[in-house]
Amino acid sequence: MRKTLRILSGIGLVIVGIIGLIMPIMPGWVFLIPGLVILADYFPALRRLVDWAKRTYEEQKGKHVG
């Protein structure tokens, strides 16, 4: 039951995030990123996407600090 609720909440956040990206009223990334992180626990392709985004962020952060 808990797994189903997490998956449904992740899907809901992704849908709201996509709507937010299309409509200029709200920022979609605020909903899209947490939705993808939640779903990454259950879908390997999304896990790879989240891991790639984290690696890219760390690389870029390291370039700008020095």
N, C-alpha and C. Protein backbone atom coordinates (compact mmCIF):
# COMPACT_ATOMS: atom_id res chain seq x y z
N MET A 1 0.83 -1.20 0.00
CA MET A 1 0.00 0.00 0.00
C MET A 1 0.87 1.26 0.00
N ARG A 2 1.92 1.23 0.83
CA ARG A 2 2.79 2.40 0.93
C ARG A 2 3.53 2.65 -0.39
N LYS A 3 3.99 1.57 -1.02
CA LYS A 3 4.69 1.68 -2.30
C LYS A 3 3.78 2.30 -3.35
N THR A 4 2.53 1.86 -3.39
CA THR A 4 1.57 2.39 -4.35
C THR A 4 1.33 3.87 -4.13
N LEU A 5 1.20 4.28 -2.87
CA LEU A 5 1.00 5.70 -2.57
C LEU A 5 2.20 6.54 -2.98
N ARG A 6 3.41 6.02 -2.75
CA ARG A 6 4.62 6.75 -3.15
C ARG A 6 4.69 6.89 -4.67
N ILE A 7 4.38 5.83 -5.39
CA ILE A 7 4.41 5.90 -6.84
C ILE A 7 3.36 6.88 -7.35
N LEU A 8 2.17 6.82 -6.79
CA LEU A 8 1.10 7.74 -7.22
C LEU A 8 1.45 9.19 -6.89
N SER A 9 2.05 9.42 -5.73
CA SER A 9 2.43 10.80 -5.39
C SER A 9 3.55 11.28 -6.31
N GLY A 10 4.49 10.40 -6.66
CA GLY A 10 5.55 10.76 -7.60
C GLY A 10 5.00 11.11 -8.97
N ILE A 11 4.07 10.29 -9.45
CA ILE A 11 3.44 10.56 -10.74
C ILE A 11 2.66 11.87 -10.69
N GLY A 12 1.95 12.09 -9.61
CA GLY A 12 1.20 13.34 -9.45
C GLY A 12 2.11 14.56 -9.47
N LEU A 13 3.24 14.48 -8.77
CA LEU A 13 4.18 15.60 -8.77
C LEU A 13 4.77 15.84 -10.15
N VAL A 14 5.08 14.77 -10.87
CA VAL A 14 5.62 14.92 -12.22
C VAL A 14 4.58 15.57 -13.13
N ILE A 15 3.34 15.16 -13.03
CA ILE A 15 2.28 15.75 -13.86
C ILE A 15 2.11 17.23 -13.55
N VAL A 16 2.06 17.58 -12.27
CA VAL A 16 1.94 18.99 -11.88
C VAL A 16 3.17 19.76 -12.35
N GLY A 17 4.34 19.13 -12.27
CA GLY A 17 5.56 19.78 -12.73
C GLY A 17 5.54 20.06 -14.22
N ILE A 18 5.05 19.11 -15.00
CA ILE A 18 4.97 19.32 -16.45
C ILE A 18 3.97 20.43 -16.76
N ILE A 19 2.86 20.44 -16.07
CA ILE A 19 1.88 21.53 -16.26
C ILE A 19 2.52 22.86 -15.89
N GLY A 20 3.30 22.86 -14.81
CA GLY A 20 3.98 24.09 -14.39
C GLY A 20 5.01 24.56 -15.39
N LEU A 21 5.64 23.64 -16.10
CA LEU A 21 6.60 24.04 -17.13
C LEU A 21 5.90 24.69 -18.32
N ILE A 22 4.68 24.23 -18.59
CA ILE A 22 3.93 24.76 -19.73
C ILE A 22 3.28 26.10 -19.39
N MET A 23 2.73 26.20 -18.19
CA MET A 23 2.03 27.41 -17.78
C MET A 23 2.99 28.34 -17.04
N PRO A 24 2.97 29.61 -17.37
CA PRO A 24 3.91 30.54 -16.73
C PRO A 24 3.51 30.96 -15.31
N ILE A 25 2.43 30.43 -14.79
CA ILE A 25 1.94 30.86 -13.49
C ILE A 25 2.76 30.28 -12.35
N MET A 26 3.24 29.04 -12.49
CA MET A 26 3.99 28.40 -11.41
C MET A 26 5.26 27.75 -11.96
N PRO A 27 6.29 27.67 -11.11
CA PRO A 27 7.52 27.01 -11.56
C PRO A 27 7.35 25.49 -11.53
N GLY A 28 7.50 24.85 -12.66
CA GLY A 28 7.29 23.42 -12.75
C GLY A 28 8.38 22.59 -12.11
N TRP A 29 9.62 23.10 -12.12
CA TRP A 29 10.74 22.32 -11.59
C TRP A 29 10.60 22.05 -10.10
N VAL A 30 9.85 22.89 -9.38
CA VAL A 30 9.66 22.69 -7.94
C VAL A 30 8.90 21.38 -7.68
N PHE A 31 8.04 20.99 -8.59
CA PHE A 31 7.29 19.75 -8.45
C PHE A 31 7.92 18.60 -9.21
N LEU A 32 8.54 18.91 -10.34
CA LEU A 32 9.10 17.89 -11.20
C LEU A 32 10.28 17.16 -10.55
N ILE A 33 11.20 17.90 -9.96
CA ILE A 33 12.38 17.28 -9.36
C ILE A 33 12.02 16.34 -8.21
N PRO A 34 11.21 16.75 -7.23
CA PRO A 34 10.86 15.78 -6.17
C PRO A 34 10.10 14.57 -6.70
N GLY A 35 9.25 14.77 -7.71
CA GLY A 35 8.53 13.65 -8.29
C GLY A 35 9.47 12.64 -8.93
N LEU A 36 10.48 13.13 -9.64
CA LEU A 36 11.46 12.23 -10.26
C LEU A 36 12.30 11.52 -9.21
N VAL A 37 12.64 12.21 -8.13
CA VAL A 37 13.43 11.58 -7.06
C VAL A 37 12.62 10.47 -6.39
N ILE A 38 11.35 10.70 -6.16
CA ILE A 38 10.50 9.67 -5.56
C ILE A 38 10.39 8.46 -6.48
N LEU A 39 10.16 8.71 -7.76
CA LEU A 39 9.99 7.61 -8.71
C LEU A 39 11.31 6.88 -9.00
N ALA A 40 12.44 7.53 -8.77
CA ALA A 40 13.74 6.90 -9.03
C ALA A 40 13.97 5.69 -8.14
N ASP A 41 13.29 5.62 -7.01
CA ASP A 41 13.41 4.45 -6.14
C ASP A 41 12.81 3.19 -6.77
N TYR A 42 11.92 3.37 -7.74
CA TYR A 42 11.19 2.24 -8.31
C TYR A 42 11.49 1.99 -9.78
N PHE A 43 12.07 2.97 -10.46
CA PHE A 43 12.34 2.85 -11.90
C PHE A 43 13.82 3.10 -12.18
N PRO A 44 14.54 2.07 -12.63
CA PRO A 44 16.00 2.21 -12.86
C PRO A 44 16.38 3.31 -13.84
N ALA A 45 15.59 3.53 -14.86
CA ALA A 45 15.92 4.57 -15.83
C ALA A 45 15.90 5.95 -15.17
N LEU A 46 14.92 6.17 -14.31
CA LEU A 46 14.86 7.45 -13.59
C LEU A 46 15.99 7.55 -12.58
N ARG A 47 16.40 6.43 -11.98
CA ARG A 47 17.53 6.43 -11.06
C ARG A 47 18.80 6.89 -11.78
N ARG A 48 19.00 6.38 -13.01
CA ARG A 48 20.18 6.79 -13.78
C ARG A 48 20.11 8.28 -14.11
N LEU A 49 18.93 8.78 -14.44
CA LEU A 49 18.76 10.21 -14.74
C LEU A 49 19.08 11.06 -13.52
N VAL A 50 18.58 10.69 -12.36
CA VAL A 50 18.84 11.45 -11.13
C VAL A 50 20.33 11.38 -10.77
N ASP A 51 20.93 10.21 -10.90
CA ASP A 51 22.37 10.08 -10.62
C ASP A 51 23.20 10.93 -11.57
N TRP A 52 22.83 10.96 -12.84
CA TRP A 52 23.53 11.79 -13.82
C TRP A 52 23.41 13.27 -13.45
N ALA A 53 22.21 13.69 -13.06
CA ALA A 53 22.01 15.09 -12.68
C ALA A 53 22.84 15.45 -11.45
N LYS A 54 22.93 14.55 -10.48
CA LYS A 54 23.74 14.81 -9.30
C LYS A 54 25.22 14.92 -9.67
N ARG A 55 25.70 14.00 -10.51
CA ARG A 55 27.11 14.04 -10.93
C ARG A 55 27.41 15.34 -11.68
N THR A 56 26.53 15.72 -12.59
CA THR A 56 26.72 16.93 -13.37
C THR A 56 26.74 18.15 -12.46
N TYR A 57 25.86 18.19 -11.48
CA TYR A 57 25.82 19.29 -10.54
C TYR A 57 27.13 19.39 -9.76
N GLU A 58 27.61 18.24 -9.27
CA GLU A 58 28.85 18.24 -8.49
C GLU A 58 30.04 18.69 -9.35
N GLU A 59 30.09 18.26 -10.62
CA GLU A 59 31.17 18.66 -11.50
C GLU A 59 31.13 20.17 -11.74
N GLN A 60 29.95 20.71 -12.01
CA GLN A 60 29.82 22.13 -12.26
C GLN A 60 30.13 22.96 -11.02
N LYS A 61 29.70 22.45 -9.88
CA LYS A 61 29.96 23.16 -8.62
C LYS A 61 31.47 23.21 -8.37
N GLY A 62 32.16 22.11 -8.65
CA GLY A 62 33.60 22.06 -8.45
C GLY A 62 34.35 23.01 -9.37
N LYS A 63 33.85 23.22 -10.58
CA LYS A 63 34.49 24.13 -11.53
C LYS A 63 34.38 25.58 -11.09
N HIS A 64 33.28 25.94 -10.47
CA HIS A 64 33.04 27.34 -10.12
C HIS A 64 33.59 27.72 -8.75
N VAL A 65 33.93 26.76 -7.93
CA VAL A 65 34.45 27.05 -6.60
C VAL A 65 35.90 27.50 -6.68
N GLY A 66 36.71 26.79 -7.48
CA GLY A 66 38.15 27.01 -7.57
C GLY A 66 38.48 28.30 -8.19
